[in-house]
Amino acid sequence: MTAGANDLPIGVAIIGGGPAGLSAGLQLVRANRRIAILDSNRPRHSATLQSHGFLTRDGASPLELRRLGREEFEAYPTAQYAQAITRSVERLSEDEARAVGFPDGIGFRVRGTGIRGAADAEFIARRVLIAAGLTEQLPQLPMIRAYYGTALHSCVECDGFEKTDKPLVLIGETADLFARALLISRFSSDLIVFTNGADTIRPEQEAQLNAIGIRVERRAIDDIVGEKADMTGVRLADGEVIPRVGGFVRPRWNAPVEFMGALELDRDGWGLVVVDDRGETSARGVYAVGDIVPPGPQQLIIAAGNGARVAAKLNMDMIRGALGVGMIDE
């Protein structure tokens, strides 16, 4: 069902149509809930040609997984899908929420701007589930995007197997670089960790990496170099080129929840949205799931599983709210 086809209040407005949002949406329409998904179809991993580790879909493209998930969701009569960028989420007053039929006095107005010719969307929802994913900031190297998703990746669990026994890089400026290097060592012993001038690996950590044959290169990077579509090395600021054929980068992440407006959400030290064990944020009635919550970026199958888990908690929250028996699923 397209957005705008029915103006009745809905159960949950889901912001984001990736694996977490689609999985949650599927579970909730199967619970006889009226559900709307607002999605711009601009996933963070759109540069990735294949996704791995998703049972029955290993090797499929992320976009193909989204297409299949959307078709399954939209097959249900209470499902609505809006191709839109979410612009605002506003809390209804308790009186307004009760007036539209929300018995626990919790409700939201969600507005989105249609894209690619789609109409604008507006929903009145009992709950909001944020599954919008993250935006990423890669190291500031001119050609890094040219090789990102093919030679260079951010998810070791997703793409490490294909890099087995190759001469690899790990580029990053974050405090978890040491742990990422240990993880990559399962796939290749020919690994160089580039800190790009950042002081993110302690001397004792460097000694431990050296002991297993992993070199730490602390000099600043000028750029990634290659021939046509193939990465061939890393050029340092002093002009030296170190031959490498691919590897991993550690982006910095941002949780793009500006559409929440005055509804501020608690964040952790990485900027991720903090949730309780039911998936609810610090704003009552607003839930979050997927990459946007700790521990951050994860395999698609884990995001989908978490979407299903949070959907079950959210459904119980609405049942208890309707019956006046409390918000906690005990």
Protein backbone atom coordinates (compact mmCIF):
# COMPACT_ATOMS: atom_id res chain seq x y z
CA MET A 1 0.00 0.00 0.00
CA THR A 2 1.45 3.37 -0.93
CA ALA A 3 1.72 6.28 1.46
CA GLY A 4 -1.37 8.44 1.50
CA ALA A 5 -3.67 5.60 0.44
CA ASN A 6 -5.18 5.47 3.92
CA ASP A 7 -5.14 8.31 6.44
CA LEU A 8 -6.06 6.31 9.53
CA PRO A 9 -3.62 6.40 12.46
CA ILE A 10 -1.03 3.62 12.41
CA GLY A 11 0.73 1.54 15.02
CA VAL A 12 4.36 2.20 14.20
CA ALA A 13 6.21 4.52 11.84
CA ILE A 14 9.54 2.90 10.97
CA ILE A 15 12.23 5.28 9.75
CA GLY A 16 14.59 3.35 7.52
CA GLY A 17 14.03 0.36 5.22
CA GLY A 18 17.23 -1.63 5.65
CA PRO A 19 17.38 -5.16 7.11
CA ALA A 20 16.56 -3.97 10.65
CA GLY A 21 13.61 -1.79 9.64
CA LEU A 22 12.17 -4.26 7.14
CA SER A 23 12.50 -7.17 9.55
CA ALA A 24 10.75 -5.21 12.29
CA GLY A 25 8.06 -4.11 9.84
CA LEU A 26 7.42 -7.67 8.71
CA GLN A 27 7.02 -8.91 12.28
CA LEU A 28 4.68 -6.07 13.16
CA VAL A 29 2.35 -6.40 10.17
CA ARG A 30 2.16 -10.09 11.02
CA ALA A 31 0.98 -8.98 14.47
CA ASN A 32 -1.96 -7.27 12.73
CA ARG A 33 -0.44 -3.82 13.18
CA ARG A 34 -0.79 -0.98 10.72
CA ILE A 35 2.83 -0.16 9.88
CA ALA A 36 4.49 2.46 7.67
CA ILE A 37 8.13 2.43 6.57
CA LEU A 38 9.69 5.68 5.39
CA ASP A 39 12.86 5.06 3.41
CA SER A 40 15.05 6.97 0.97
CA ASN A 41 16.69 3.77 -0.37
CA ARG A 42 20.14 5.31 0.06
CA PRO A 43 21.91 2.74 2.25
CA ARG A 44 25.36 3.38 3.71
CA HIS A 45 26.64 0.19 2.07
CA SER A 46 25.32 0.99 -1.43
CA ALA A 47 28.89 0.85 -2.76
CA THR A 48 29.15 -2.80 -1.70
CA LEU A 49 28.54 -5.22 -4.56
CA GLN A 50 27.95 -8.30 -2.42
CA SER A 51 26.87 -8.99 1.14
CA HIS A 52 27.98 -12.10 2.97
CA GLY A 53 26.91 -14.20 5.92
CA PHE A 54 23.15 -13.81 5.39
CA LEU A 55 21.78 -17.36 5.44
CA THR A 56 20.21 -18.33 2.06
CA ARG A 57 21.42 -15.03 0.52
CA ASP A 58 25.22 -15.24 0.82
CA GLY A 59 26.73 -13.18 -2.00
CA ALA A 60 23.59 -11.23 -2.83
CA SER A 61 23.85 -7.48 -3.19
CA PRO A 62 22.57 -5.37 -0.27
CA LEU A 63 20.14 -3.62 -2.63
CA GLU A 64 18.71 -6.98 -3.73
CA LEU A 65 18.14 -7.95 -0.11
CA ARG A 66 16.28 -4.68 0.46
CA ARG A 67 14.14 -5.21 -2.65
CA LEU A 68 13.14 -8.72 -1.58
CA GLY A 69 12.41 -7.54 1.97
CA ARG A 70 10.24 -4.69 0.76
CA GLU A 71 8.21 -7.03 -1.47
CA GLU A 72 7.57 -9.37 1.47
CA PHE A 73 6.55 -6.46 3.73
CA GLU A 74 4.25 -4.85 1.17
CA ALA A 75 2.44 -8.13 0.55
CA TYR A 76 0.51 -7.56 3.80
CA PRO A 77 -2.66 -5.42 3.68
CA THR A 78 -1.70 -3.30 6.71
CA ALA A 79 1.72 -2.37 5.29
CA GLN A 80 2.54 1.05 3.85
CA TYR A 81 5.84 2.02 2.26
CA ALA A 82 6.78 5.65 1.61
CA GLN A 83 9.77 6.48 -0.52
CA ALA A 84 10.60 9.57 1.45
CA ILE A 85 13.24 11.30 3.53
CA THR A 86 11.99 11.78 7.07
CA ARG A 87 11.96 15.48 7.93
CA SER A 88 10.33 15.69 11.35
CA VAL A 89 9.02 13.64 14.26
CA GLU A 90 6.81 15.53 16.71
CA ARG A 91 5.24 14.20 19.88
CA LEU A 92 1.48 14.61 20.19
CA SER A 93 0.07 15.95 23.42
CA GLU A 94 -1.56 13.33 25.62
CA ASP A 95 -4.99 14.70 24.75
CA GLU A 96 -4.22 14.66 21.02
CA ALA A 97 -2.98 11.08 21.21
CA ARG A 98 -6.09 9.92 23.04
CA ALA A 99 -8.32 11.82 20.61
CA VAL A 100 -6.99 9.81 17.64
CA GLY A 101 -7.48 6.53 19.50
CA PHE A 102 -4.17 5.91 21.26
CA PRO A 103 -5.28 4.68 24.70
CA ASP A 104 -2.04 5.28 26.57
CA GLY A 105 -1.76 8.91 25.46
CA ILE A 106 1.46 8.36 23.48
CA GLY A 107 1.64 9.33 19.83
CA PHE A 108 3.69 11.06 17.15
CA ARG A 109 3.33 12.95 13.90
CA VAL A 110 5.93 11.85 11.34
CA ARG A 111 6.50 13.82 8.15
CA GLY A 112 8.62 12.92 5.15
CA THR A 113 9.50 14.53 1.83
CA GLY A 114 8.88 12.30 -1.15
CA ILE A 115 11.79 11.56 -3.48
CA ARG A 116 12.10 10.31 -7.06
CA GLY A 117 8.60 11.51 -7.86
CA ALA A 118 6.94 10.02 -4.77
CA ALA A 119 4.41 12.01 -2.79
CA ASP A 120 5.18 13.59 0.56
CA ALA A 121 4.21 11.40 3.51
CA GLU A 122 2.61 12.12 6.87
CA PHE A 123 1.61 9.59 9.50
CA ILE A 124 0.07 9.68 12.96
CA ALA A 125 1.67 6.79 14.84
CA ARG A 126 1.51 5.29 18.35
CA ARG A 127 5.22 4.52 18.29
CA VAL A 128 8.28 5.40 16.24
CA LEU A 129 11.09 2.96 15.42
CA ILE A 130 14.31 4.51 14.13
CA ALA A 131 16.22 2.14 11.86
CA ALA A 132 17.83 4.81 9.73
CA GLY A 133 21.39 3.49 9.96
CA LEU A 134 24.50 5.62 10.09
CA THR A 135 26.36 8.04 7.89
CA GLU A 136 30.07 7.45 7.72
CA GLN A 137 33.12 9.64 7.45
CA LEU A 138 36.06 7.92 5.80
CA PRO A 139 39.65 9.06 6.27
CA GLN A 140 40.21 12.22 4.22
CA LEU A 141 42.05 10.66 1.26
CA PRO A 142 41.17 11.83 -2.27
CA MET A 143 40.82 8.41 -3.93
CA ILE A 144 39.54 6.28 -1.07
CA ARG A 145 35.95 6.30 -2.35
CA ALA A 146 37.11 4.93 -5.71
CA TYR A 147 38.14 1.67 -4.03
CA TYR A 148 35.59 1.55 -1.21
CA GLY A 149 33.23 -1.39 -1.57
CA THR A 150 35.57 -3.28 -3.90
CA ALA A 151 39.17 -3.31 -2.62
CA LEU A 152 38.52 -1.56 0.68
CA HIS A 153 35.76 -2.39 3.17
CA SER A 154 34.73 -1.46 6.69
CA CYS A 155 33.20 -4.75 7.92
CA VAL A 156 35.79 -7.44 8.60
CA GLU A 157 33.17 -10.08 9.38
CA CYS A 158 31.39 -9.29 6.11
CA ASP A 159 34.36 -9.21 3.72
CA GLY A 160 37.37 -10.74 5.46
CA PHE A 161 37.07 -14.19 3.87
CA GLU A 162 37.51 -12.77 0.36
CA LYS A 163 40.78 -11.12 1.46
CA THR A 164 42.38 -14.35 2.70
CA ASP A 165 46.20 -14.44 2.30
CA LYS A 166 46.37 -11.11 0.42
CA PRO A 167 48.65 -8.16 1.29
CA LEU A 168 46.23 -5.93 3.21
CA VAL A 169 45.93 -2.55 4.89
CA LEU A 170 43.99 -1.39 7.89
CA ILE A 171 43.55 2.40 7.83
CA GLY A 172 42.01 4.26 10.73
CA GLU A 173 42.38 6.86 13.43
CA THR A 174 40.12 5.41 16.14
CA ALA A 175 40.94 3.84 19.49
CA ASP A 176 39.78 0.36 18.47
CA LEU A 177 42.34 -0.05 15.68
CA PHE A 178 44.33 -2.64 17.65
CA ALA A 179 41.30 -4.90 18.08
CA ARG A 180 40.41 -4.57 14.38
CA ALA A 181 43.96 -5.60 13.45
CA LEU A 182 43.68 -8.74 15.58
CA LEU A 183 40.43 -9.63 13.84
CA ILE A 184 41.93 -9.18 10.36
CA SER A 185 44.91 -11.36 11.32
CA ARG A 186 42.57 -14.38 11.02
CA PHE A 187 42.48 -13.78 7.28
CA SER A 188 45.97 -12.58 6.37
CA SER A 189 49.32 -12.42 8.10
CA ASP A 190 50.49 -9.84 5.53
CA LEU A 191 48.89 -6.82 7.17
CA ILE A 192 50.08 -3.25 7.71
CA VAL A 193 48.17 -0.95 10.06
CA PHE A 194 48.22 2.71 8.97
CA THR A 195 47.37 5.20 11.69
CA ASN A 196 47.71 8.20 9.34
CA GLY A 197 49.64 10.15 11.95
CA ALA A 198 47.11 9.55 14.74
CA ASP A 199 48.29 8.28 18.12
CA THR A 200 45.75 5.46 18.39
CA ILE A 201 47.93 2.40 18.97
CA ARG A 202 49.91 2.25 22.21
CA PRO A 203 53.55 1.04 22.20
CA GLU A 204 52.65 -2.20 24.00
CA GLN A 205 49.93 -2.87 21.44
CA GLU A 206 52.38 -2.26 18.61
CA ALA A 207 54.79 -4.72 20.22
CA GLN A 208 52.04 -7.35 20.36
CA LEU A 209 51.19 -6.78 16.70
CA ASN A 210 54.84 -6.97 15.70
CA ALA A 211 55.12 -10.28 17.53
CA ILE A 212 52.58 -11.81 15.13
CA GLY A 213 54.07 -10.17 12.05
CA ILE A 214 51.81 -7.13 11.76
CA ARG A 215 53.55 -3.83 11.09
CA VAL A 216 52.31 -0.46 12.33
CA GLU A 217 52.95 2.47 9.99
CA ARG A 218 52.48 5.80 11.76
CA ARG A 219 53.44 8.19 8.95
CA ALA A 220 50.75 10.34 7.33
CA ILE A 221 49.04 9.04 4.20
CA ASP A 222 48.82 11.05 0.99
CA ASP A 223 46.42 8.83 -0.94
CA ILE A 224 45.39 5.39 -2.18
CA VAL A 225 46.89 4.50 -5.55
CA GLY A 226 45.89 2.00 -8.20
CA GLU A 227 45.72 1.04 -11.86
CA LYS A 228 42.24 1.43 -13.35
CA ALA A 229 39.87 -0.37 -10.96
CA ASP A 230 42.56 -2.21 -9.01
CA MET A 231 44.16 -0.84 -5.86
CA THR A 232 47.93 -1.25 -5.90
CA GLY A 233 49.18 0.55 -2.82
CA VAL A 234 49.20 3.33 -0.25
CA ARG A 235 51.23 6.47 -0.95
CA LEU A 236 52.59 8.19 2.13
CA ALA A 237 53.01 11.93 2.51
CA ASP A 238 56.77 11.58 1.99
CA GLY A 239 56.18 9.96 -1.42
CA GLU A 240 56.89 6.33 -0.55
CA VAL A 241 54.39 3.87 -2.01
CA ILE A 242 53.74 0.70 -0.01
CA PRO A 243 52.26 -2.04 -2.23
CA ARG A 244 48.87 -3.33 -1.04
CA VAL A 245 45.91 -4.80 -2.93
CA GLY A 246 43.09 -4.04 -0.52
CA GLY A 247 41.99 -4.20 3.07
CA PHE A 248 39.87 -2.32 5.56
CA VAL A 249 39.19 1.20 6.74
CA ARG A 250 37.72 2.30 10.06
CA PRO A 251 35.26 5.12 9.43
CA ARG A 252 33.88 7.51 12.02
CA TRP A 253 30.12 7.22 12.38
CA ASN A 254 27.29 9.68 12.78
CA ALA A 255 23.73 8.86 13.80
CA PRO A 256 21.59 11.16 11.61
CA VAL A 257 18.57 11.83 13.81
CA GLU A 258 18.15 15.54 13.20
CA PHE A 259 14.54 14.85 12.24
CA MET A 260 13.79 14.22 15.92
CA GLY A 261 13.87 17.98 16.53
CA ALA A 262 13.08 18.80 20.15
CA LEU A 263 12.90 15.10 21.07
CA GLU A 264 16.51 14.72 22.14
CA LEU A 265 17.90 11.19 22.42
CA ASP A 266 20.67 10.08 24.76
CA ARG A 267 23.90 9.09 22.99
CA ASP A 268 26.99 7.13 23.99
CA GLY A 269 30.62 8.20 23.56
CA TRP A 270 30.61 7.12 19.91
CA GLY A 271 27.48 9.15 19.16
CA LEU A 272 25.25 6.07 18.89
CA VAL A 273 21.67 6.17 20.20
CA VAL A 274 21.38 4.58 23.65
CA VAL A 275 18.51 2.08 24.12
CA ASP A 276 17.33 -0.16 26.95
CA ASP A 277 17.00 -3.94 26.70
CA ARG A 278 13.66 -3.51 24.90
CA GLY A 279 15.12 -1.21 22.27
CA GLU A 280 13.47 1.95 23.62
CA THR A 281 15.40 5.21 23.60
CA SER A 282 15.41 7.90 26.29
CA ALA A 283 12.30 9.37 24.60
CA ARG A 284 9.24 7.38 25.66
CA GLY A 285 7.62 5.68 22.70
CA VAL A 286 10.64 6.07 20.42
CA TYR A 287 12.59 2.89 19.70
CA ALA A 288 15.81 2.37 17.74
CA VAL A 289 17.51 -0.63 16.17
CA GLY A 290 20.30 -1.56 13.75
CA ASP A 291 23.60 0.18 13.14
CA ILE A 292 22.39 3.33 14.88
CA VAL A 293 22.51 1.71 18.34
CA PRO A 294 25.50 0.20 20.22
CA PRO A 295 27.67 -1.58 19.27
CA GLY A 296 27.19 0.14 15.90
CA PRO A 297 27.69 -1.30 12.40
CA GLN A 298 26.93 -5.00 12.23
CA GLN A 299 26.31 -7.77 9.76
CA LEU A 300 23.01 -7.56 7.92
CA ILE A 301 21.71 -10.80 9.40
CA ILE A 302 22.35 -9.50 12.93
CA ALA A 303 20.57 -6.24 12.12
CA ALA A 304 17.59 -8.20 10.78
CA GLY A 305 17.51 -10.40 13.88
CA ASN A 306 17.62 -7.38 16.17
CA GLY A 307 14.80 -5.81 14.18
CA ALA A 308 12.62 -8.86 14.84
CA ARG A 309 13.55 -8.88 18.54
CA VAL A 310 12.73 -5.20 19.09
CA ALA A 311 9.50 -5.56 17.11
CA ALA A 312 8.30 -8.19 19.61
CA LYS A 313 9.08 -5.90 22.57
CA LEU A 314 7.43 -2.95 20.86
CA ASN A 315 4.30 -4.96 20.11
CA MET A 316 4.03 -5.99 23.76
CA ASP A 317 4.52 -2.37 24.84
CA MET A 318 1.48 -1.35 22.77
CA ILE A 319 -0.60 -4.27 24.06
CA ARG A 320 0.15 -3.36 27.66
CA GLY A 321 -0.44 0.33 26.94
CA ALA A 322 -3.87 -0.43 25.48
CA LEU A 323 -4.85 -2.52 28.49
CA GLY A 324 -3.39 -0.13 31.06
CA VAL A 325 -1.16 -2.80 32.61
CA GLY A 326 2.18 -0.99 32.35
CA MET A 327 4.94 -0.61 29.82
CA ILE A 328 7.36 -3.30 30.95
CA ASP A 329 7.34 -6.71 29.32
CA GLU A 330 7.99 -8.87 32.40
